[in-house]
Amino acid sequence: QVQLVESGGGLVQAGGSLRLSCEASGSIFSINAMGWYRQAPGKQRELVATITRGGTTQYADSVKGRFTISRNNAKNTVSLQMNSLKAEDTAVYYCNAVRYSGAFYVGDSWGQGTQVTVSS
């Protein structure tokens, strides 16, 4: 099992910045990709950004150019730098880790979520 603990959410004005961090513990050797998802009220959870162990990144179109995901494999952390925040970025943000056993997918682990609120 992998445990994920997020930090860094909060309230910010539109145009401002926030940095989210997530630390993994437990069976960290099984982690392949890590990332961030978000869920706004009344909407489905959606991908924000992901990063593989090798550093390959993927972003939702809505955040490209504004958000940057980074990862420190030695510290088992993943971060999300969010700049030029918009009201529509308001959501609960969840850290995610995709676990593998060799070449076989084992499952996803999720953090408890951290609230990001952007006031317009």
PDB file of N, CA and C in Angstrom:
ATOM      1  N   GLN A   1       0.821  -1.186   0.000  1.00  0.00           N
ATOM      2  CA  GLN A   1       0.000   0.000   0.000  1.00  0.00           C
ATOM      3  C   GLN A   1       0.864   1.248   0.000  1.00  0.00           C
ATOM      4  N   VAL A   2       0.314   2.296  -0.550  1.00  0.00           N
ATOM      5  CA  VAL A   2       0.987   3.588  -0.584  1.00  0.00           C
ATOM      6  C   VAL A   2       0.092   4.614   0.090  1.00  0.00           C
ATOM      7  N   GLN A   3       0.670   5.414   0.944  1.00  0.00           N
ATOM      8  CA  GLN A   3      -0.060   6.508   1.578  1.00  0.00           C
ATOM      9  C   GLN A   3       0.428   7.825   0.991  1.00  0.00           C
ATOM     10  N   LEU A   4      -0.510   8.706   0.725  1.00  0.00           N
ATOM     11  CA  LEU A   4      -0.202  10.006   0.132  1.00  0.00           C
ATOM     12  C   LEU A   4      -0.768  11.104   1.025  1.00  0.00           C
ATOM     13  N   VAL A   5       0.068  12.087   1.339  1.00  0.00           N
ATOM     14  CA  VAL A   5      -0.361  13.204   2.174  1.00  0.00           C
ATOM     15  C   VAL A   5      -0.101  14.505   1.423  1.00  0.00           C
ATOM     16  N   GLU A   6      -1.179  15.258   1.197  1.00  0.00           N
ATOM     17  CA  GLU A   6      -1.076  16.519   0.455  1.00  0.00           C
ATOM     18  C   GLU A   6      -0.969  17.692   1.418  1.00  0.00           C
ATOM     19  N   SER A   7      -0.420  18.779   0.899  1.00  0.00           N
ATOM     20  CA  SER A   7      -0.375  20.037   1.635  1.00  0.00           C
ATOM     21  C   SER A   7      -0.307  21.177   0.647  1.00  0.00           C
ATOM     22  N   GLY A   8      -0.669  22.371   1.116  1.00  0.00           N
ATOM     23  CA  GLY A   8      -0.467  23.565   0.303  1.00  0.00           C
ATOM     24  C   GLY A   8      -1.708  24.205  -0.272  1.00  0.00           C
ATOM     25  N   GLY A   9      -2.877  23.635  -0.055  1.00  0.00           N
ATOM     26  CA  GLY A   9      -4.075  24.265  -0.578  1.00  0.00           C
ATOM     27  C   GLY A   9      -4.407  25.535   0.192  1.00  0.00           C
ATOM     28  N   GLY A  10      -5.443  26.241  -0.277  1.00  0.00           N
ATOM     29  CA  GLY A  10      -5.859  27.450   0.419  1.00  0.00           C
ATOM     30  C   GLY A  10      -6.681  28.356  -0.455  1.00  0.00           C
ATOM     31  N   LEU A  11      -6.823  29.580   0.004  1.00  0.00           N
ATOM     32  CA  LEU A  11      -7.607  30.612  -0.690  1.00  0.00           C
ATOM     33  C   LEU A  11      -6.658  31.629  -1.307  1.00  0.00           C
ATOM     34  N   VAL A  12      -6.890  31.938  -2.571  1.00  0.00           N
ATOM     35  CA  VAL A  12      -6.034  32.888  -3.275  1.00  0.00           C
ATOM     36  C   VAL A  12      -6.898  33.692  -4.244  1.00  0.00           C
ATOM     37  N   GLN A  13      -6.477  34.901  -4.527  1.00  0.00           N
ATOM     38  CA  GLN A  13      -7.187  35.726  -5.495  1.00  0.00           C
ATOM     39  C   GLN A  13      -6.830  35.302  -6.916  1.00  0.00           C
ATOM     40  N   ALA A  14      -7.741  35.574  -7.814  1.00  0.00           N
ATOM     41  CA  ALA A  14      -7.489  35.284  -9.222  1.00  0.00           C
ATOM     42  C   ALA A  14      -6.199  35.983  -9.665  1.00  0.00           C
ATOM     43  N   GLY A  15      -5.396  35.244 -10.425  1.00  0.00           N
ATOM     44  CA  GLY A  15      -4.106  35.757 -10.855  1.00  0.00           C
ATOM     45  C   GLY A  15      -2.960  35.389  -9.937  1.00  0.00           C
ATOM     46  N   GLY A  16      -3.296  34.870  -8.777  1.00  0.00           N
ATOM     47  CA  GLY A  16      -2.280  34.511  -7.803  1.00  0.00           C
ATOM     48  C   GLY A  16      -1.716  33.117  -8.039  1.00  0.00           C
ATOM     49  N   SER A  17      -0.892  32.677  -7.081  1.00  0.00           N
ATOM     50  CA  SER A  17      -0.200  31.391  -7.198  1.00  0.00           C
ATOM     51  C   SER A  17      -0.349  30.583  -5.927  1.00  0.00           C
ATOM     52  N   LEU A  18      -0.291  29.274  -6.105  1.00  0.00           N
ATOM     53  CA  LEU A  18      -0.238  28.336  -4.988  1.00  0.00           C
ATOM     54  C   LEU A  18       0.650  27.169  -5.392  1.00  0.00           C
ATOM     55  N   ARG A  19       1.221  26.526  -4.389  1.00  0.00           N
ATOM     56  CA  ARG A  19       2.033  25.337  -4.642  1.00  0.00           C
ATOM     57  C   ARG A  19       1.503  24.196  -3.781  1.00  0.00           C
ATOM     58  N   LEU A  20       1.157  23.107  -4.437  1.00  0.00           N
ATOM     59  CA  LEU A  20       0.709  21.906  -3.742  1.00  0.00           C
ATOM     60  C   LEU A  20       1.856  20.906  -3.667  1.00  0.00           C
ATOM     61  N   SER A  21       1.930  20.210  -2.556  1.00  0.00           N
ATOM     62  CA  SER A  21       2.940  19.168  -2.397  1.00  0.00           C
ATOM     63  C   SER A  21       2.289  17.891  -1.914  1.00  0.00           C
ATOM     64  N   CYS A  22       2.899  16.776  -2.248  1.00  0.00           N
ATOM     65  CA  CYS A  22       2.381  15.463  -1.849  1.00  0.00           C
ATOM     66  C   CYS A  22       3.565  14.560  -1.540  1.00  0.00           C
ATOM     67  N   GLU A  23       3.506  13.924  -0.386  1.00  0.00           N
ATOM     68  CA  GLU A  23       4.575  13.009   0.016  1.00  0.00           C
ATOM     69  C   GLU A  23       4.027  11.597   0.098  1.00  0.00           C
ATOM     70  N   ALA A  24       4.739  10.684  -0.513  1.00  0.00           N
ATOM     71  CA  ALA A  24       4.332   9.281  -0.521  1.00  0.00           C
ATOM     72  C   ALA A  24       5.129   8.490   0.515  1.00  0.00           C
ATOM     73  N   SER A  25       4.478   7.506   1.104  1.00  0.00           N
ATOM     74  CA  SER A  25       5.138   6.597   2.037  1.00  0.00           C
ATOM     75  C   SER A  25       4.537   5.208   1.849  1.00  0.00           C
ATOM     76  N   GLY A  26       5.196   4.232   2.430  1.00  0.00           N
ATOM     77  CA  GLY A  26       4.713   2.856   2.285  1.00  0.00           C
ATOM     78  C   GLY A  26       5.480   2.147   1.176  1.00  0.00           C
ATOM     79  N   SER A  27       4.763   1.457   0.317  1.00  0.00           N
ATOM     80  CA  SER A  27       5.381   0.663  -0.762  1.00  0.00           C
ATOM     81  C   SER A  27       5.765   1.559  -1.936  1.00  0.00           C
ATOM     82  N   ILE A  28       6.652   2.491  -1.692  1.00  0.00           N
ATOM     83  CA  ILE A  28       6.989   3.506  -2.703  1.00  0.00           C
ATOM     84  C   ILE A  28       7.713   2.903  -3.900  1.00  0.00           C
ATOM     85  N   PHE A  29       8.324   1.737  -3.729  1.00  0.00           N
ATOM     86  CA  PHE A  29       9.029   1.113  -4.840  1.00  0.00           C
ATOM     87  C   PHE A  29       8.065   0.725  -5.954  1.00  0.00           C
ATOM     88  N   SER A  30       6.798   0.596  -5.631  1.00  0.00           N
ATOM     89  CA  SER A  30       5.798   0.172  -6.620  1.00  0.00           C
ATOM     90  C   SER A  30       5.249   1.332  -7.441  1.00  0.00           C
ATOM     91  N   ILE A  31       5.611   2.563  -7.069  1.00  0.00           N
ATOM     92  CA  ILE A  31       5.031   3.730  -7.741  1.00  0.00           C
ATOM     93  C   ILE A  31       5.682   3.965  -9.091  1.00  0.00           C
ATOM     94  N   ASN A  32       4.868   4.133 -10.101  1.00  0.00           N
ATOM     95  CA  ASN A  32       5.350   4.527 -11.416  1.00  0.00           C
ATOM     96  C   ASN A  32       5.021   6.006 -11.608  1.00  0.00           C
ATOM     97  N   ALA A  33       3.872   6.299 -12.157  1.00  0.00           N
ATOM     98  CA  ALA A  33       3.502   7.699 -12.366  1.00  0.00           C
ATOM     99  C   ALA A  33       2.862   8.279 -11.107  1.00  0.00           C
ATOM    100  N   MET A  34       3.022   9.572 -10.943  1.00  0.00           N
ATOM    101  CA  MET A  34       2.327  10.331  -9.906  1.00  0.00           C
ATOM    102  C   MET A  34       1.662  11.524 -10.564  1.00  0.00           C
ATOM    103  N   GLY A  35       0.661  12.055  -9.908  1.00  0.00           N
ATOM    104  CA  GLY A  35      -0.009  13.187 -10.525  1.00  0.00           C
ATOM    105  C   GLY A  35      -1.013  13.857  -9.626  1.00  0.00           C
ATOM    106  N   TRP A  36      -1.702  14.806 -10.214  1.00  0.00           N
ATOM    107  CA  TRP A  36      -2.736  15.569  -9.534  1.00  0.00           C
ATOM    108  C   TRP A  36      -4.021  15.526 -10.343  1.00  0.00           C
ATOM    109  N   TYR A  37      -5.105  15.329  -9.644  1.00  0.00           N
ATOM    110  CA  TYR A  37      -6.447  15.387 -10.199  1.00  0.00           C
ATOM    111  C   TYR A  37      -7.233  16.405  -9.388  1.00  0.00           C
ATOM    112  N   ARG A  38      -8.358  16.855  -9.939  1.00  0.00           N
ATOM    113  CA  ARG A  38      -9.191  17.777  -9.181  1.00  0.00           C
ATOM    114  C   ARG A  38     -10.659  17.489  -9.416  1.00  0.00           C
ATOM    115  N   GLN A  39     -11.458  17.880  -8.434  1.00  0.00           N
ATOM    116  CA  GLN A  39     -12.896  17.690  -8.539  1.00  0.00           C
ATOM    117  C   GLN A  39     -13.599  18.922  -7.996  1.00  0.00           C
ATOM    118  N   ALA A  40     -14.328  19.583  -8.880  1.00  0.00           N
ATOM    119  CA  ALA A  40     -15.116  20.742  -8.494  1.00  0.00           C
ATOM    120  C   ALA A  40     -16.518  20.284  -8.101  1.00  0.00           C
ATOM    121  N   PRO A  41     -17.242  21.074  -7.328  1.00  0.00           N
ATOM    122  CA  PRO A  41     -18.592  20.677  -6.912  1.00  0.00           C
ATOM    123  C   PRO A  41     -19.485  20.370  -8.107  1.00  0.00           C
ATOM    124  N   GLY A  42     -20.138  19.227  -8.065  1.00  0.00           N
ATOM    125  CA  GLY A  42     -21.057  18.843  -9.128  1.00  0.00           C
ATOM    126  C   GLY A  42     -20.401  18.334 -10.400  1.00  0.00           C
ATOM    127  N   LYS A  43     -19.078  18.191 -10.361  1.00  0.00           N
ATOM    128  CA  LYS A  43     -18.363  17.726 -11.552  1.00  0.00           C
ATOM    129  C   LYS A  43     -17.579  16.458 -11.246  1.00  0.00           C
ATOM    130  N   GLN A  44     -17.188  15.772 -12.317  1.00  0.00           N
ATOM    131  CA  GLN A  44     -16.386  14.572 -12.152  1.00  0.00           C
ATOM    132  C   GLN A  44     -14.928  14.929 -11.890  1.00  0.00           C
ATOM    133  N   ARG A  45     -14.225  14.006 -11.253  1.00  0.00           N
ATOM    134  CA  ARG A  45     -12.801  14.203 -11.037  1.00  0.00           C
ATOM    135  C   ARG A  45     -12.098  14.207 -12.386  1.00  0.00           C
ATOM    136  N   GLU A  46     -11.152  15.134 -12.561  1.00  0.00           N
ATOM    137  CA  GLU A  46     -10.452  15.253 -13.835  1.00  0.00           C
ATOM    138  C   GLU A  46      -8.947  15.329 -13.625  1.00  0.00           C
ATOM    139  N   LEU A  47      -8.226  14.879 -14.626  1.00  0.00           N
ATOM    140  CA  LEU A  47      -6.770  14.938 -14.583  1.00  0.00           C
ATOM    141  C   LEU A  47      -6.299  16.381 -14.710  1.00  0.00           C
ATOM    142  N   VAL A  48      -5.315  16.730 -13.888  1.00  0.00           N
ATOM    143  CA  VAL A  48      -4.677  18.041 -13.996  1.00  0.00           C
ATOM    144  C   VAL A  48      -3.296  17.882 -14.628  1.00  0.00           C
ATOM    145  N   ALA A  49      -2.479  17.026 -14.036  1.00  0.00           N
ATOM    146  CA  ALA A  49      -1.126  16.810 -14.545  1.00  0.00           C
ATOM    147  C   ALA A  49      -0.578  15.521 -13.978  1.00  0.00           C
ATOM    148  N   THR A  50       0.263  14.860 -14.771  1.00  0.00           N
ATOM    149  CA  THR A  50       0.929  13.652 -14.312  1.00  0.00           C
ATOM    150  C   THR A  50       2.404  13.710 -14.695  1.00  0.00           C
ATOM    151  N   ILE A  51       3.201  12.915 -13.993  1.00  0.00           N
ATOM    152  CA  ILE A  51       4.625  12.837 -14.279  1.00  0.00           C
ATOM    153  C   ILE A  51       5.089  11.416 -13.991  1.00  0.00           C
ATOM    154  N   THR A  52       5.855  10.856 -14.925  1.00  0.00           N
ATOM    155  CA  THR A  52       6.363   9.505 -14.737  1.00  0.00           C
ATOM    156  C   THR A  52       7.636   9.530 -13.892  1.00  0.00           C
ATOM    157  N   ARG A  53       8.098   8.359 -13.527  1.00  0.00           N
ATOM    158  CA  ARG A  53       9.336   8.269 -12.760  1.00  0.00           C
ATOM    159  C   ARG A  53      10.495   8.860 -13.554  1.00  0.00           C
ATOM    160  N   GLY A  54      10.420   8.758 -14.868  1.00  0.00           N
ATOM    161  CA  GLY A  54      11.480   9.297 -15.712  1.00  0.00           C
ATOM    162  C   GLY A  54      11.344  10.781 -16.019  1.00  0.00           C
ATOM    163  N   GLY A  55      10.230  11.378 -15.600  1.00  0.00           N
ATOM    164  CA  GLY A  55      10.078  12.820 -15.762  1.00  0.00           C
ATOM    165  C   GLY A  55       9.190  13.258 -16.922  1.00  0.00           C
ATOM    166  N   THR A  56       8.568  12.325 -17.612  1.00  0.00           N
ATOM    167  CA  THR A  56       7.659  12.702 -18.693  1.00  0.00           C
ATOM    168  C   THR A  56       6.367  13.259 -18.095  1.00  0.00           C
ATOM    169  N   THR A  57       5.950  14.415 -18.590  1.00  0.00           N
ATOM    170  CA  THR A  57       4.785  15.086 -18.023  1.00  0.00           C
ATOM    171  C   THR A  57       3.622  15.125 -19.007  1.00  0.00           C
ATOM    172  N   GLN A  58       2.442  15.270 -18.429  1.00  0.00           N
ATOM    173  CA  GLN A  58       1.213  15.409 -19.200  1.00  0.00           C
ATOM    174  C   GLN A  58       0.340  16.409 -18.461  1.00  0.00           C
ATOM    175  N   TYR A  59      -0.302  17.321 -19.221  1.00  0.00           N
ATOM    176  CA  TYR A  59      -1.141  18.337 -18.614  1.00  0.00           C
ATOM    177  C   TYR A  59      -2.510  18.393 -19.282  1.00  0.00           C
ATOM    178  N   ALA A  60      -3.515  18.750 -18.499  1.00  0.00           N
ATOM    179  CA  ALA A  60      -4.804  19.077 -19.080  1.00  0.00           C
ATOM    180  C   ALA A  60      -4.653  20.368 -19.886  1.00  0.00           C
ATOM    181  N   ASP A  61      -5.396  20.467 -20.966  1.00  0.00           N
ATOM    182  CA  ASP A  61      -5.299  21.664 -21.817  1.00  0.00           C
ATOM    183  C   ASP A  61      -5.602  22.926 -21.021  1.00  0.00           C
ATOM    184  N   SER A  62      -6.498  22.826 -20.072  1.00  0.00           N
ATOM    185  CA  SER A  62      -6.936  24.004 -19.326  1.00  0.00           C
ATOM    186  C   SER A  62      -5.857  24.584 -18.417  1.00  0.00           C
ATOM    187  N   VAL A  63      -4.803  23.825 -18.139  1.00  0.00           N
ATOM    188  CA  VAL A  63      -3.768  24.309 -17.230  1.00  0.00           C
ATOM    189  C   VAL A  63      -2.408  24.467 -17.902  1.00  0.00           C
ATOM    190  N   LYS A  64      -2.287  24.077 -19.146  1.00  0.00           N
ATOM    191  CA  LYS A  64      -1.009  24.187 -19.852  1.00  0.00           C
ATOM    192  C   LYS A  64      -0.527  25.625 -19.860  1.00  0.00           C
ATOM    193  N   GLY A  65       0.742  25.790 -19.550  1.00  0.00           N
ATOM    194  CA  GLY A  65       1.325  27.125 -19.520  1.00  0.00           C
ATOM    195  C   GLY A  65       1.135  27.847 -18.204  1.00  0.00           C
ATOM    196  N   ARG A  66       0.291  27.308 -17.325  1.00  0.00           N
ATOM    197  CA  ARG A  66       0.054  27.960 -16.029  1.00  0.00           C
ATOM    198  C   ARG A  66       0.527  27.078 -14.867  1.00  0.00           C
ATOM    199  N   PHE A  67       0.380  25.778 -15.007  1.00  0.00           N
ATOM    200  CA  PHE A  67       0.746  24.839 -13.942  1.00  0.00           C
ATOM    201  C   PHE A  67       1.995  24.065 -14.349  1.00  0.00           C
ATOM    202  N   THR A  68       2.815  23.733 -13.353  1.00  0.00           N
ATOM    203  CA  THR A  68       4.003  22.929 -13.579  1.00  0.00           C
ATOM    204  C   THR A  68       4.074  21.826 -12.530  1.00  0.00           C
ATOM    205  N   ILE A  69       4.187  20.594 -12.998  1.00  0.00           N
ATOM    206  CA  ILE A  69       4.321  19.464 -12.093  1.00  0.00           C
ATOM    207  C   ILE A  69       5.790  19.065 -12.020  1.00  0.00           C
ATOM    208  N   SER A  70       6.235  18.695 -10.826  1.00  0.00           N
ATOM    209  CA  SER A  70       7.612  18.256 -10.647  1.00  0.00           C
ATOM    210  C   SER A  70       7.634  17.114  -9.642  1.00  0.00           C
ATOM    211  N   ARG A  71       8.735  16.401  -9.658  1.00  0.00           N
ATOM    212  CA  ARG A  71       8.811  15.196  -8.822  1.00  0.00           C
ATOM    213  C   ARG A  71      10.227  15.035  -8.295  1.00  0.00           C
ATOM    214  N   ASN A  72      10.352  14.629  -7.058  1.00  0.00           N
ATOM    215  CA  ASN A  72      11.637  14.319  -6.447  1.00  0.00           C
ATOM    216  C   ASN A  72      11.586  12.856  -6.034  1.00  0.00           C
ATOM    217  N   ASN A  73      12.199  11.999  -6.839  1.00  0.00           N
ATOM    218  CA  ASN A  73      12.132  10.562  -6.559  1.00  0.00           C
ATOM    219  C   ASN A  73      12.868  10.194  -5.273  1.00  0.00           C
ATOM    220  N   ALA A  74      13.916  10.932  -4.962  1.00  0.00           N
ATOM    221  CA  ALA A  74      14.686  10.639  -3.753  1.00  0.00           C
ATOM    222  C   ALA A  74      13.873  10.929  -2.488  1.00  0.00           C
ATOM    223  N   LYS A  75      13.019  11.948  -2.568  1.00  0.00           N
ATOM    224  CA  LYS A  75      12.200  12.328  -1.408  1.00  0.00           C
ATOM    225  C   LYS A  75      10.780  11.796  -1.505  1.00  0.00           C
ATOM    226  N   ASN A  76      10.464  11.117  -2.601  1.00  0.00           N
ATOM    227  CA  ASN A  76       9.127  10.549  -2.789  1.00  0.00           C
ATOM    228  C   ASN A  76       8.040  11.611  -2.737  1.00  0.00           C
ATOM    229  N   THR A  77       8.315  12.725  -3.389  1.00  0.00           N
ATOM    230  CA  THR A  77       7.351  13.815  -3.396  1.00  0.00           C
ATOM    231  C   THR A  77       7.002  14.230  -4.825  1.00  0.00           C
ATOM    232  N   VAL A  78       5.821  14.784  -4.966  1.00  0.00           N
ATOM    233  CA  VAL A  78       5.398  15.395  -6.216  1.00  0.00           C
ATOM    234  C   VAL A  78       4.759  16.728  -5.875  1.00  0.00           C
ATOM    235  N   SER A  79       5.040  17.730  -6.682  1.00  0.00           N
ATOM    236  CA  SER A  79       4.539  19.078  -6.420  1.00  0.00           C
ATOM    237  C   SER A  79       3.821  19.623  -7.649  1.00  0.00           C
ATOM    238  N   LEU A  80       2.946  20.580  -7.393  1.00  0.00           N
ATOM    239  CA  LEU A  80       2.227  21.247  -8.477  1.00  0.00           C
ATOM    240  C   LEU A  80       2.291  22.745  -8.228  1.00  0.00           C
ATOM    241  N   GLN A  81       3.033  23.444  -9.064  1.00  0.00           N
ATOM    242  CA  GLN A  81       3.107  24.899  -8.984  1.00  0.00           C
ATOM    243  C   GLN A  81       2.001  25.461  -9.862  1.00  0.00           C
ATOM    244  N   MET A  82       1.108  26.230  -9.254  1.00  0.00           N
ATOM    245  CA  MET A  82      -0.041  26.760  -9.973  1.00  0.00           C
ATOM    246  C   MET A  82       0.057  28.282 -10.024  1.00  0.00           C
ATOM    247  N   ASN A  83       0.201  28.816 -11.223  1.00  0.00           N
ATOM    248  CA  ASN A  83       0.299  30.257 -11.424  1.00  0.00           C
ATOM    249  C   ASN A  83      -0.899  30.761 -12.227  1.00  0.00           C
ATOM    250  N   SER A  84      -1.105  32.036 -12.200  1.00  0.00           N
ATOM    251  CA  SER A  84      -2.194  32.673 -12.950  1.00  0.00           C
ATOM    252  C   SER A  84      -3.518  31.956 -12.695  1.00  0.00           C
ATOM    253  N   LEU A  85      -3.801  31.731 -11.440  1.00  0.00           N
ATOM    254  CA  LEU A  85      -4.990  30.968 -11.084  1.00  0.00           C
ATOM    255  C   LEU A  85      -6.265  31.689 -11.473  1.00  0.00           C
ATOM    256  N   LYS A  86      -7.257  30.884 -11.859  1.00  0.00           N
ATOM    257  CA  LYS A  86      -8.554  31.397 -12.283  1.00  0.00           C
ATOM    258  C   LYS A  86      -9.641  30.833 -11.357  1.00  0.00           C
ATOM    259  N   ALA A  87     -10.787  31.480 -11.355  1.00  0.00           N
ATOM    260  CA  ALA A  87     -11.885  31.016 -10.519  1.00  0.00           C
ATOM    261  C   ALA A  87     -12.256  29.567 -10.860  1.00  0.00           C
ATOM    262  N   GLU A  88     -12.144  29.223 -12.129  1.00  0.00           N
ATOM    263  CA  GLU A  88     -12.510  27.863 -12.550  1.00  0.00           C
ATOM    264  C   GLU A  88     -11.510  26.797 -12.112  1.00  0.00           C
ATOM    265  N   ASP A  89     -10.408  27.215 -11.496  1.00  0.00           N
ATOM    266  CA  ASP A  89      -9.464  26.256 -10.920  1.00  0.00           C
ATOM    267  C   ASP A  89      -9.899  25.818  -9.522  1.00  0.00           C
ATOM    268  N   THR A  90     -10.924  26.443  -8.991  1.00  0.00           N
ATOM    269  CA  THR A  90     -11.418  26.090  -7.667  1.00  0.00           C
ATOM    270  C   THR A  90     -11.909  24.647  -7.651  1.00  0.00           C
ATOM    271  N   ALA A  91     -11.360  23.864  -6.730  1.00  0.00           N
ATOM    272  CA  ALA A  91     -11.690  22.445  -6.652  1.00  0.00           C
ATOM    273  C   ALA A  91     -10.942  21.829  -5.471  1.00  0.00           C
ATOM    274  N   VAL A  92     -11.286  20.585  -5.187  1.00  0.00           N
ATOM    275  CA  VAL A  92     -10.461  19.780  -4.290  1.00  0.00           C
ATOM    276  C   VAL A  92      -9.435  19.068  -5.165  1.00  0.00           C
ATOM    277  N   TYR A  93      -8.177  19.212  -4.805  1.00  0.00           N
ATOM    278  CA  TYR A  93      -7.086  18.623  -5.565  1.00  0.00           C
ATOM    279  C   TYR A  93      -6.596  17.364  -4.859  1.00  0.00           C
ATOM    280  N   TYR A  94      -6.456  16.296  -5.641  1.00  0.00           N
ATOM    281  CA  TYR A  94      -6.065  14.998  -5.096  1.00  0.00           C
ATOM    282  C   TYR A  94      -4.729  14.556  -5.690  1.00  0.00           C
ATOM    283  N   CYS A  95      -3.850  14.091  -4.826  1.00  0.00           N
ATOM    284  CA  CYS A  95      -2.605  13.477  -5.270  1.00  0.00           C
ATOM    285  C   CYS A  95      -2.886  12.026  -5.644  1.00  0.00           C
ATOM    286  N   ASN A  96      -2.219  11.572  -6.679  1.00  0.00           N
ATOM    287  CA  ASN A  96      -2.432  10.218  -7.181  1.00  0.00           C
ATOM    288  C   ASN A  96      -1.101   9.532  -7.432  1.00  0.00           C
ATOM    289  N   ALA A  97      -1.058   8.233  -7.158  1.00  0.00           N
ATOM    290  CA  ALA A  97       0.117   7.419  -7.469  1.00  0.00           C
ATOM    291  C   ALA A  97      -0.359   6.134  -8.140  1.00  0.00           C
ATOM    292  N   VAL A  98       0.264   5.827  -9.253  1.00  0.00           N
ATOM    293  CA  VAL A  98      -0.073   4.611  -9.997  1.00  0.00           C
ATOM    294  C   VAL A  98       0.966   3.547  -9.660  1.00  0.00           C
ATOM    295  N   ARG A  99       0.493   2.409  -9.191  1.00  0.00           N
ATOM    296  CA  ARG A  99       1.385   1.364  -8.691  1.00  0.00           C
ATOM    297  C   ARG A  99       1.480   0.191  -9.658  1.00  0.00           C
ATOM    298  N   TYR A 100       2.697  -0.287  -9.815  1.00  0.00           N
ATOM    299  CA  TYR A 100       2.959  -1.441 -10.667  1.00  0.00           C
ATOM    300  C   TYR A 100       3.754  -2.480  -9.887  1.00  0.00           C
ATOM    301  N   SER A 101       3.570  -3.742 -10.273  1.00  0.00           N
ATOM    302  CA  SER A 101       4.410  -4.839  -9.827  1.00  0.00           C
ATOM    303  C   SER A 101       5.071  -5.378 -11.085  1.00  0.00           C
ATOM    304  N   GLY A 102       6.327  -4.983 -11.300  1.00  0.00           N
ATOM    305  CA  GLY A 102       6.958  -5.289 -12.572  1.00  0.00           C
ATOM    306  C   GLY A 102       6.228  -4.553 -13.677  1.00  0.00           C
ATOM    307  N   ALA A 103       5.754  -5.271 -14.667  1.00  0.00           N
ATOM    308  CA  ALA A 103       5.030  -4.668 -15.784  1.00  0.00           C
ATOM    309  C   ALA A 103       3.525  -4.672 -15.576  1.00  0.00           C
ATOM    310  N   PHE A 104       3.070  -5.134 -14.434  1.00  0.00           N
ATOM    311  CA  PHE A 104       1.644  -5.298 -14.208  1.00  0.00           C
ATOM    312  C   PHE A 104       1.087  -4.186 -13.333  1.00  0.00           C
ATOM    313  N   TYR A 105       0.003  -3.601 -13.816  1.00  0.00           N
ATOM    314  CA  TYR A 105      -0.702  -2.572 -13.065  1.00  0.00           C
ATOM    315  C   TYR A 105      -1.326  -3.179 -11.812  1.00  0.00           C
ATOM    316  N   VAL A 106      -1.068  -2.531 -10.678  1.00  0.00           N
ATOM    317  CA  VAL A 106      -1.601  -3.014  -9.410  1.00  0.00           C
ATOM    318  C   VAL A 106      -2.799  -2.190  -8.983  1.00  0.00           C
ATOM    319  N   GLY A 107      -2.670  -0.882  -9.066  1.00  0.00           N
ATOM    320  CA  GLY A 107      -3.783  -0.035  -8.659  1.00  0.00           C
ATOM    321  C   GLY A 107      -3.356   1.404  -8.471  1.00  0.00           C
ATOM    322  N   ASP A 108      -4.305   2.236  -8.112  1.00  0.00           N
ATOM    323  CA  ASP A 108      -4.071   3.649  -7.850  1.00  0.00           C
ATOM    324  C   ASP A 108      -4.239   3.924  -6.366  1.00  0.00           C
ATOM    325  N   SER A 109      -3.394   4.805  -5.866  1.00  0.00           N
ATOM    326  CA  SER A 109      -3.548   5.302  -4.507  1.00  0.00           C
ATOM    327  C   SER A 109      -3.884   6.790  -4.574  1.00  0.00           C
ATOM    328  N   TRP A 110      -4.684   7.232  -3.588  1.00  0.00           N
ATOM    329  CA  TRP A 110      -5.144   8.625  -3.584  1.00  0.00           C
ATOM    330  C   TRP A 110      -4.895   9.273  -2.228  1.00  0.00           C
ATOM    331  N   GLY A 111      -4.590  10.551  -2.275  1.00  0.00           N
ATOM    332  CA  GLY A 111      -4.522  11.319  -1.053  1.00  0.00           C
ATOM    333  C   GLY A 111      -5.914  11.719  -0.600  1.00  0.00           C
ATOM    334  N   GLN A 112      -5.967  12.431   0.526  1.00  0.00           N
ATOM    335  CA  GLN A 112      -7.253  12.795   1.103  1.00  0.00           C
ATOM    336  C   GLN A 112      -7.849  14.038   0.444  1.00  0.00           C
ATOM    337  N   GLY A 113      -7.045  14.744  -0.318  1.00  0.00           N
ATOM    338  CA  GLY A 113      -7.524  15.931  -1.015  1.00  0.00           C
ATOM    339  C   GLY A 113      -7.214  17.203  -0.264  1.00  0.00           C
ATOM    340  N   THR A 114      -6.971  18.273  -1.001  1.00  0.00           N
ATOM    341  CA  THR A 114      -6.738  19.588  -0.415  1.00  0.00           C
ATOM    342  C   THR A 114      -7.525  20.622  -1.213  1.00  0.00           C
ATOM    343  N   GLN A 115      -8.196  21.510  -0.496  1.00  0.00           N
ATOM    344  CA  GLN A 115      -9.078  22.482  -1.144  1.00  0.00           C
ATOM    345  C   GLN A 115      -8.280  23.657  -1.696  1.00  0.00           C
ATOM    346  N   VAL A 116      -8.558  23.995  -2.937  1.00  0.00           N
ATOM    347  CA  VAL A 116      -8.017  25.204  -3.562  1.00  0.00           C
ATOM    348  C   VAL A 116      -9.210  26.067  -3.960  1.00  0.00           C
ATOM    349  N   THR A 117      -9.238  27.288  -3.444  1.00  0.00           N
ATOM    350  CA  THR A 117     -10.320  28.211  -3.753  1.00  0.00           C
ATOM    351  C   THR A 117      -9.731  29.483  -4.335  1.00  0.00           C
ATOM    352  N   VAL A 118     -10.190  29.840  -5.525  1.00  0.00           N
ATOM    353  CA  VAL A 118      -9.712  31.045  -6.197  1.00  0.00           C
ATOM    354  C   VAL A 118     -10.858  32.040  -6.258  1.00  0.00           C
ATOM    355  N   SER A 119     -10.668  33.180  -5.632  1.00  0.00           N
ATOM    356  CA  SER A 119     -11.710  34.202  -5.611  1.00  0.00           C
ATOM    357  C   SER A 119     -11.529  35.151  -6.785  1.00  0.00           C
ATOM    358  N   SER A 120     -12.639  35.500  -7.401  1.00  0.00           N
ATOM    359  CA  SER A 120     -12.567  36.383  -8.574  1.00  0.00           C
ATOM    360  C   SER A 120     -12.806  37.832  -8.195  1.00  0.00           C
TER     361      SER A 120
END
